[in-house]
N, C-alpha and C. Protein backbone atom coordinates (compact mmCIF):
# COMPACT_ATOMS: atom_id res chain seq x y z
N MET A 1 -50.84 -74.88 -4.04
CA MET A 1 -51.26 -74.85 -2.67
C MET A 1 -50.06 -75.20 -1.79
N VAL A 2 -49.88 -74.47 -0.71
CA VAL A 2 -48.81 -74.72 0.23
C VAL A 2 -49.43 -74.86 1.61
N THR A 3 -49.04 -75.90 2.31
CA THR A 3 -49.47 -76.07 3.69
C THR A 3 -48.22 -76.19 4.53
N GLN A 4 -48.17 -75.52 5.66
CA GLN A 4 -46.99 -75.54 6.49
C GLN A 4 -47.38 -75.76 7.94
N VAL A 5 -46.55 -76.50 8.65
CA VAL A 5 -46.77 -76.71 10.08
C VAL A 5 -45.44 -76.55 10.79
N ASN A 6 -45.44 -75.87 11.92
CA ASN A 6 -44.23 -75.66 12.71
C ASN A 6 -44.43 -76.27 14.08
N LEU A 7 -43.47 -77.05 14.52
CA LEU A 7 -43.50 -77.63 15.85
C LEU A 7 -42.21 -77.28 16.57
N LEU A 8 -42.32 -76.82 17.81
CA LEU A 8 -41.15 -76.46 18.59
C LEU A 8 -40.82 -77.56 19.59
N SER A 9 -39.53 -77.87 19.71
CA SER A 9 -39.09 -78.85 20.69
C SER A 9 -37.61 -78.65 20.93
N SER A 10 -37.18 -78.83 22.16
CA SER A 10 -35.76 -78.70 22.44
C SER A 10 -34.98 -79.94 22.04
N ILE A 11 -35.70 -81.05 21.79
CA ILE A 11 -35.00 -82.27 21.39
C ILE A 11 -35.53 -82.88 20.12
N LEU A 12 -36.38 -82.15 19.36
CA LEU A 12 -36.94 -82.63 18.10
C LEU A 12 -37.68 -83.94 18.26
N GLY A 13 -38.34 -84.16 19.35
CA GLY A 13 -39.01 -85.42 19.56
C GLY A 13 -40.49 -85.29 19.86
N ILE A 14 -41.16 -84.32 19.25
CA ILE A 14 -42.57 -84.13 19.55
C ILE A 14 -43.43 -84.39 18.34
N SER A 15 -44.70 -84.57 18.57
CA SER A 15 -45.65 -84.65 17.47
C SER A 15 -46.95 -83.99 17.93
N SER A 16 -47.72 -83.49 16.99
CA SER A 16 -48.95 -82.80 17.32
C SER A 16 -49.84 -82.77 16.09
N THR A 17 -51.07 -82.34 16.25
CA THR A 17 -51.94 -82.16 15.10
C THR A 17 -51.99 -80.68 14.74
N LEU A 18 -52.56 -80.38 13.60
CA LEU A 18 -52.51 -79.03 13.07
C LEU A 18 -53.32 -77.99 13.84
N THR A 19 -54.33 -78.38 14.56
CA THR A 19 -55.22 -77.38 15.14
C THR A 19 -54.99 -77.15 16.62
N THR A 20 -53.89 -77.62 17.16
CA THR A 20 -53.68 -77.46 18.59
C THR A 20 -52.55 -76.49 18.89
N THR A 21 -52.75 -75.71 19.92
CA THR A 21 -51.70 -74.86 20.49
C THR A 21 -51.81 -75.02 22.00
N TYR A 22 -50.73 -75.44 22.63
CA TYR A 22 -50.76 -75.62 24.07
C TYR A 22 -49.37 -75.46 24.65
N THR A 23 -49.29 -75.32 25.95
CA THR A 23 -48.01 -75.15 26.62
C THR A 23 -47.62 -76.44 27.31
N VAL A 24 -46.35 -76.79 27.18
CA VAL A 24 -45.81 -77.98 27.83
C VAL A 24 -44.86 -77.53 28.92
N PRO A 25 -44.40 -78.43 29.78
CA PRO A 25 -43.50 -78.03 30.87
C PRO A 25 -42.33 -77.19 30.39
N GLN A 26 -41.85 -76.33 31.26
CA GLN A 26 -40.72 -75.43 31.03
C GLN A 26 -41.06 -74.36 29.99
N ASN A 27 -42.36 -74.04 29.85
CA ASN A 27 -42.83 -72.97 28.97
C ASN A 27 -42.39 -73.12 27.52
N LEU A 28 -42.21 -74.33 27.07
CA LEU A 28 -41.85 -74.59 25.67
C LEU A 28 -43.14 -74.78 24.89
N ALA A 29 -43.44 -73.88 23.97
CA ALA A 29 -44.71 -73.92 23.24
C ALA A 29 -44.64 -74.87 22.06
N VAL A 30 -45.75 -75.53 21.83
CA VAL A 30 -45.92 -76.38 20.65
C VAL A 30 -47.02 -75.73 19.83
N ASP A 31 -46.64 -75.15 18.71
CA ASP A 31 -47.60 -74.45 17.86
C ASP A 31 -47.74 -75.20 16.55
N ALA A 32 -48.94 -75.31 16.07
CA ALA A 32 -49.20 -75.92 14.78
C ALA A 32 -50.18 -75.03 14.04
N GLU A 33 -49.84 -74.71 12.80
CA GLU A 33 -50.71 -73.85 12.03
C GLU A 33 -50.65 -74.23 10.56
N THR A 34 -51.66 -73.82 9.82
CA THR A 34 -51.71 -74.09 8.40
C THR A 34 -51.77 -72.76 7.67
N THR A 35 -50.92 -72.59 6.67
CA THR A 35 -51.00 -71.44 5.79
C THR A 35 -51.14 -71.97 4.38
N GLU A 36 -52.01 -71.35 3.59
CA GLU A 36 -52.27 -71.83 2.25
C GLU A 36 -52.18 -70.70 1.25
N SER A 37 -51.71 -71.01 0.05
CA SER A 37 -51.78 -70.06 -1.05
C SER A 37 -52.19 -70.84 -2.28
N ILE A 38 -53.04 -70.26 -3.08
CA ILE A 38 -53.52 -70.92 -4.28
C ILE A 38 -52.51 -70.67 -5.40
N GLY A 39 -51.99 -71.75 -5.97
CA GLY A 39 -50.98 -71.63 -7.01
C GLY A 39 -51.56 -71.70 -8.40
N ASP A 40 -52.73 -72.27 -8.61
CA ASP A 40 -53.32 -72.40 -9.92
C ASP A 40 -54.35 -71.30 -10.14
N SER A 41 -54.27 -70.63 -11.29
CA SER A 41 -55.17 -69.51 -11.55
C SER A 41 -56.61 -69.95 -11.76
N ASP A 42 -56.84 -71.25 -12.06
CA ASP A 42 -58.20 -71.72 -12.30
C ASP A 42 -58.94 -72.09 -11.01
N ARG A 43 -58.29 -72.02 -9.87
CA ARG A 43 -58.96 -72.30 -8.60
C ARG A 43 -59.65 -71.06 -8.11
N ASP A 44 -60.78 -71.23 -7.47
CA ASP A 44 -61.55 -70.12 -6.91
C ASP A 44 -60.80 -69.54 -5.73
N SER A 45 -60.45 -68.26 -5.81
CA SER A 45 -59.65 -67.64 -4.75
C SER A 45 -60.43 -67.53 -3.45
N GLY A 46 -61.76 -67.67 -3.48
CA GLY A 46 -62.55 -67.61 -2.27
C GLY A 46 -62.65 -68.94 -1.56
N ASP A 47 -62.16 -70.00 -2.17
CA ASP A 47 -62.24 -71.33 -1.59
C ASP A 47 -61.12 -71.52 -0.58
N ASP A 48 -61.48 -71.72 0.70
CA ASP A 48 -60.44 -71.87 1.72
C ASP A 48 -60.26 -73.33 2.14
N SER A 49 -60.84 -74.27 1.37
CA SER A 49 -60.66 -75.67 1.71
C SER A 49 -59.34 -76.17 1.15
N SER A 50 -58.76 -77.13 1.82
CA SER A 50 -57.46 -77.68 1.44
C SER A 50 -57.67 -79.03 0.75
N ILE A 51 -56.81 -79.33 -0.21
CA ILE A 51 -56.89 -80.63 -0.88
C ILE A 51 -56.06 -81.69 -0.16
N PHE A 52 -55.25 -81.25 0.80
CA PHE A 52 -54.51 -82.17 1.63
C PHE A 52 -54.31 -81.55 3.00
N GLU A 53 -53.95 -82.39 3.95
CA GLU A 53 -53.77 -81.93 5.33
C GLU A 53 -52.53 -82.58 5.92
N ILE A 54 -51.70 -81.78 6.57
CA ILE A 54 -50.57 -82.32 7.31
C ILE A 54 -51.11 -82.73 8.67
N LEU A 55 -51.08 -84.03 8.94
CA LEU A 55 -51.61 -84.55 10.20
C LEU A 55 -50.58 -84.52 11.30
N ASN A 56 -49.31 -84.71 10.94
CA ASN A 56 -48.28 -84.86 11.95
C ASN A 56 -46.91 -84.64 11.33
N VAL A 57 -46.02 -84.10 12.09
CA VAL A 57 -44.60 -84.04 11.72
C VAL A 57 -43.80 -84.29 12.99
N ASP A 58 -42.78 -85.10 12.88
CA ASP A 58 -42.00 -85.48 14.04
C ASP A 58 -40.55 -85.63 13.61
N GLY A 59 -39.63 -85.44 14.52
CA GLY A 59 -38.22 -85.59 14.20
C GLY A 59 -37.41 -85.88 15.44
N LYS A 60 -36.24 -86.49 15.22
CA LYS A 60 -35.33 -86.72 16.33
C LYS A 60 -33.93 -86.98 15.80
N VAL A 61 -32.96 -86.84 16.69
CA VAL A 61 -31.57 -87.13 16.36
C VAL A 61 -31.37 -88.63 16.48
N ILE A 62 -30.92 -89.25 15.39
CA ILE A 62 -30.71 -90.70 15.34
C ILE A 62 -29.30 -91.06 15.79
N GLU A 63 -28.32 -90.31 15.30
CA GLU A 63 -26.94 -90.52 15.71
C GLU A 63 -26.17 -89.24 15.50
N SER A 64 -25.02 -89.13 16.13
CA SER A 64 -24.20 -87.93 15.98
C SER A 64 -22.73 -88.27 16.19
N ASN A 65 -21.90 -87.41 15.62
CA ASN A 65 -20.45 -87.52 15.83
C ASN A 65 -19.88 -86.11 15.77
N ASP A 66 -18.57 -85.97 15.64
CA ASP A 66 -17.93 -84.66 15.64
C ASP A 66 -18.15 -83.89 14.34
N ILE A 67 -18.62 -84.56 13.30
CA ILE A 67 -18.79 -83.94 11.99
C ILE A 67 -20.24 -83.56 11.71
N TRP A 68 -21.20 -84.45 12.01
CA TRP A 68 -22.60 -84.23 11.70
C TRP A 68 -23.51 -84.92 12.70
N TRP A 69 -24.77 -84.48 12.71
CA TRP A 69 -25.85 -85.13 13.46
C TRP A 69 -26.84 -85.64 12.43
N LYS A 70 -27.24 -86.88 12.53
CA LYS A 70 -28.25 -87.44 11.63
C LYS A 70 -29.61 -87.17 12.26
N MET A 71 -30.36 -86.24 11.64
CA MET A 71 -31.67 -85.86 12.14
C MET A 71 -32.74 -86.48 11.24
N ALA A 72 -33.50 -87.41 11.80
CA ALA A 72 -34.54 -88.10 11.05
C ALA A 72 -35.87 -87.38 11.25
N TRP A 73 -36.76 -87.52 10.26
CA TRP A 73 -38.08 -86.90 10.34
C TRP A 73 -39.13 -87.84 9.76
N VAL A 74 -40.38 -87.66 10.23
CA VAL A 74 -41.54 -88.39 9.71
C VAL A 74 -42.64 -87.35 9.50
N LEU A 75 -43.26 -87.40 8.33
CA LEU A 75 -44.33 -86.48 7.97
C LEU A 75 -45.54 -87.29 7.56
N GLU A 76 -46.70 -86.99 8.14
CA GLU A 76 -47.94 -87.69 7.81
C GLU A 76 -48.90 -86.73 7.10
N ILE A 77 -49.34 -87.13 5.90
CA ILE A 77 -50.18 -86.27 5.06
C ILE A 77 -51.43 -87.03 4.65
N LYS A 78 -52.57 -86.34 4.65
CA LYS A 78 -53.83 -86.95 4.21
C LYS A 78 -54.35 -86.22 2.97
N ASN A 79 -54.74 -86.98 1.96
CA ASN A 79 -55.36 -86.43 0.76
C ASN A 79 -56.86 -86.29 1.04
N THR A 80 -57.35 -85.06 1.07
CA THR A 80 -58.76 -84.81 1.34
C THR A 80 -59.54 -84.52 0.06
N SER A 81 -58.89 -84.71 -1.08
CA SER A 81 -59.55 -84.44 -2.36
C SER A 81 -60.05 -85.73 -3.00
N ASN A 82 -60.66 -85.59 -4.16
CA ASN A 82 -61.16 -86.73 -4.92
C ASN A 82 -60.21 -87.13 -6.04
N SER A 83 -59.00 -86.57 -6.03
CA SER A 83 -58.00 -86.85 -7.07
C SER A 83 -56.71 -87.34 -6.44
N THR A 84 -55.95 -88.11 -7.21
CA THR A 84 -54.61 -88.51 -6.77
C THR A 84 -53.71 -87.28 -6.81
N LEU A 85 -52.93 -87.08 -5.75
CA LEU A 85 -52.04 -85.93 -5.65
C LEU A 85 -50.59 -86.36 -5.77
N ASP A 86 -49.80 -85.55 -6.45
CA ASP A 86 -48.34 -85.69 -6.48
C ASP A 86 -47.78 -84.47 -5.78
N LEU A 87 -47.25 -84.67 -4.57
CA LEU A 87 -46.80 -83.57 -3.73
C LEU A 87 -45.31 -83.63 -3.49
N ASN A 88 -44.78 -82.54 -2.97
CA ASN A 88 -43.39 -82.43 -2.56
C ASN A 88 -43.38 -81.86 -1.15
N ALA A 89 -42.31 -82.12 -0.42
CA ALA A 89 -42.21 -81.61 0.95
C ALA A 89 -40.84 -81.02 1.21
N ARG A 90 -40.83 -79.99 2.00
CA ARG A 90 -39.58 -79.40 2.48
C ARG A 90 -39.62 -79.44 4.00
N ILE A 91 -38.62 -80.06 4.59
CA ILE A 91 -38.49 -80.13 6.04
C ILE A 91 -37.39 -79.15 6.44
N GLU A 92 -37.70 -78.24 7.36
CA GLU A 92 -36.72 -77.26 7.82
C GLU A 92 -36.39 -77.51 9.28
N PHE A 93 -35.12 -77.41 9.60
CA PHE A 93 -34.64 -77.49 10.97
C PHE A 93 -34.28 -76.07 11.39
N LEU A 94 -35.00 -75.55 12.40
CA LEU A 94 -34.93 -74.14 12.76
C LEU A 94 -34.30 -73.91 14.12
N ASP A 95 -33.70 -72.71 14.29
CA ASP A 95 -33.17 -72.34 15.60
C ASP A 95 -34.28 -71.65 16.39
N GLU A 96 -33.96 -71.17 17.59
CA GLU A 96 -34.99 -70.59 18.47
C GLU A 96 -35.60 -69.31 17.92
N ASP A 97 -34.94 -68.66 16.96
CA ASP A 97 -35.47 -67.45 16.34
C ASP A 97 -36.13 -67.74 14.98
N ASP A 98 -36.38 -69.02 14.69
CA ASP A 98 -37.01 -69.48 13.44
C ASP A 98 -36.15 -69.27 12.20
N PHE A 99 -34.83 -69.15 12.37
CA PHE A 99 -33.93 -69.13 11.23
C PHE A 99 -33.66 -70.57 10.82
N VAL A 100 -33.58 -70.80 9.51
CA VAL A 100 -33.35 -72.14 8.99
C VAL A 100 -31.88 -72.51 9.18
N ILE A 101 -31.64 -73.58 9.93
CA ILE A 101 -30.30 -74.11 10.12
C ILE A 101 -29.95 -75.04 8.97
N ASP A 102 -30.90 -75.88 8.58
CA ASP A 102 -30.71 -76.85 7.50
C ASP A 102 -32.09 -77.26 7.00
N ASP A 103 -32.13 -77.90 5.84
CA ASP A 103 -33.40 -78.39 5.33
C ASP A 103 -33.20 -79.66 4.51
N ASP A 104 -34.31 -80.34 4.25
CA ASP A 104 -34.31 -81.57 3.48
C ASP A 104 -35.58 -81.56 2.62
N TYR A 105 -35.50 -82.18 1.46
CA TYR A 105 -36.64 -82.24 0.55
C TYR A 105 -37.02 -83.68 0.26
N GLU A 106 -38.31 -83.87 0.02
CA GLU A 106 -38.84 -85.16 -0.44
C GLU A 106 -39.74 -84.86 -1.63
N TYR A 107 -39.45 -85.51 -2.77
CA TYR A 107 -40.19 -85.25 -4.00
C TYR A 107 -41.04 -86.45 -4.40
N GLY A 108 -42.08 -86.19 -5.16
CA GLY A 108 -42.88 -87.26 -5.74
C GLY A 108 -43.68 -88.06 -4.74
N ILE A 109 -44.30 -87.40 -3.79
CA ILE A 109 -45.16 -88.07 -2.81
C ILE A 109 -46.53 -88.26 -3.46
N ARG A 110 -46.87 -89.48 -3.81
CA ARG A 110 -48.15 -89.77 -4.48
C ARG A 110 -49.15 -90.28 -3.45
N ILE A 111 -50.32 -89.60 -3.40
CA ILE A 111 -51.35 -89.96 -2.42
C ILE A 111 -52.68 -90.10 -3.16
N ARG A 112 -53.30 -91.26 -3.05
CA ARG A 112 -54.61 -91.49 -3.66
C ARG A 112 -55.71 -90.80 -2.85
N PRO A 113 -56.88 -90.58 -3.46
CA PRO A 113 -57.98 -89.90 -2.76
C PRO A 113 -58.32 -90.58 -1.43
N GLY A 114 -58.41 -89.77 -0.38
CA GLY A 114 -58.76 -90.27 0.94
C GLY A 114 -57.65 -90.99 1.67
N GLU A 115 -56.52 -91.19 1.03
CA GLU A 115 -55.40 -91.95 1.63
C GLU A 115 -54.57 -91.07 2.55
N THR A 116 -54.01 -91.69 3.58
CA THR A 116 -53.06 -91.03 4.47
C THR A 116 -51.73 -91.76 4.33
N VAL A 117 -50.64 -91.01 4.15
CA VAL A 117 -49.32 -91.61 4.00
C VAL A 117 -48.36 -91.02 5.02
N LYS A 118 -47.38 -91.83 5.39
CA LYS A 118 -46.27 -91.37 6.21
C LYS A 118 -45.03 -91.39 5.32
N VAL A 119 -44.36 -90.26 5.29
CA VAL A 119 -43.13 -90.09 4.52
C VAL A 119 -42.02 -89.85 5.53
N ASN A 120 -40.87 -90.47 5.31
CA ASN A 120 -39.78 -90.24 6.25
C ASN A 120 -38.47 -90.04 5.52
N GLY A 121 -37.53 -89.49 6.23
CA GLY A 121 -36.21 -89.23 5.67
C GLY A 121 -35.28 -88.75 6.77
N TYR A 122 -34.12 -88.29 6.36
CA TYR A 122 -33.16 -87.75 7.33
C TYR A 122 -32.26 -86.75 6.63
N ASP A 123 -31.59 -85.95 7.43
CA ASP A 123 -30.63 -84.98 6.93
C ASP A 123 -29.41 -85.03 7.83
N LEU A 124 -28.24 -84.89 7.25
CA LEU A 124 -27.01 -84.80 8.02
C LEU A 124 -26.72 -83.32 8.25
N VAL A 125 -26.87 -82.89 9.48
CA VAL A 125 -26.70 -81.48 9.84
C VAL A 125 -25.30 -81.32 10.45
N ASP A 126 -24.60 -80.30 9.99
CA ASP A 126 -23.25 -80.02 10.47
C ASP A 126 -23.23 -79.93 12.00
N ALA A 127 -22.29 -80.63 12.62
CA ALA A 127 -22.22 -80.69 14.09
C ALA A 127 -21.98 -79.32 14.72
N GLY A 128 -21.42 -78.40 13.97
CA GLY A 128 -21.17 -77.06 14.50
C GLY A 128 -22.44 -76.26 14.74
N VAL A 129 -23.51 -76.56 13.99
CA VAL A 129 -24.76 -75.82 14.14
C VAL A 129 -25.92 -76.69 14.64
N ALA A 130 -25.76 -77.99 14.59
CA ALA A 130 -26.84 -78.91 14.98
C ALA A 130 -27.40 -78.66 16.38
N PRO A 131 -26.56 -78.36 17.37
CA PRO A 131 -27.13 -78.12 18.72
C PRO A 131 -28.08 -76.92 18.78
N GLU A 132 -28.04 -76.04 17.79
CA GLU A 132 -28.90 -74.87 17.75
C GLU A 132 -30.32 -75.19 17.27
N VAL A 133 -30.53 -76.36 16.69
CA VAL A 133 -31.84 -76.73 16.18
C VAL A 133 -32.79 -76.99 17.34
N VAL A 134 -33.91 -76.23 17.36
CA VAL A 134 -34.91 -76.39 18.42
C VAL A 134 -36.31 -76.63 17.88
N SER A 135 -36.49 -76.56 16.55
CA SER A 135 -37.81 -76.82 15.99
C SER A 135 -37.68 -77.43 14.60
N ILE A 136 -38.79 -78.02 14.18
CA ILE A 136 -38.86 -78.61 12.85
C ILE A 136 -40.11 -78.07 12.17
N SER A 137 -39.99 -77.76 10.89
CA SER A 137 -41.09 -77.22 10.12
C SER A 137 -41.25 -78.05 8.85
N ALA A 138 -42.49 -78.36 8.49
CA ALA A 138 -42.76 -79.11 7.28
C ALA A 138 -43.64 -78.28 6.36
N GLU A 139 -43.23 -78.14 5.12
CA GLU A 139 -44.00 -77.44 4.10
C GLU A 139 -44.29 -78.44 2.99
N VAL A 140 -45.55 -78.57 2.64
CA VAL A 140 -45.96 -79.50 1.59
C VAL A 140 -46.57 -78.68 0.47
N PHE A 141 -46.18 -78.98 -0.77
CA PHE A 141 -46.65 -78.19 -1.90
C PHE A 141 -46.79 -79.06 -3.14
N GLU A 142 -47.60 -78.57 -4.09
CA GLU A 142 -47.83 -79.30 -5.34
C GLU A 142 -46.70 -79.03 -6.32
């Protein structure tokens, strides 16, 4: 199962929930969506329920210099299943055309049934391309 959420921001400092789409000042859109694919052949392909939900993803520049920008991120995930989940996450830093500028991974995210966790990390993005980052995307997968 893969769940993905994309948030647009000119300064990587926004947060939102998965089911909202709205316009903020200066016509900068904040879009959040979920896409899922069933990875296990024993799951019913007609079942559109998710075993986890991305509640929030947020990011911002913590520090910068002439070599790199330290871009921190926070991802909030809820386990909606009755089983403990071991998940992985990929955080993508995207330009205005949704091309990936850089990415970061987090492995071994363990979430008990009904639990909500916040996972955080950072990536050092090359200073030559860092100013082009305008959105952050989080993909969570088993």
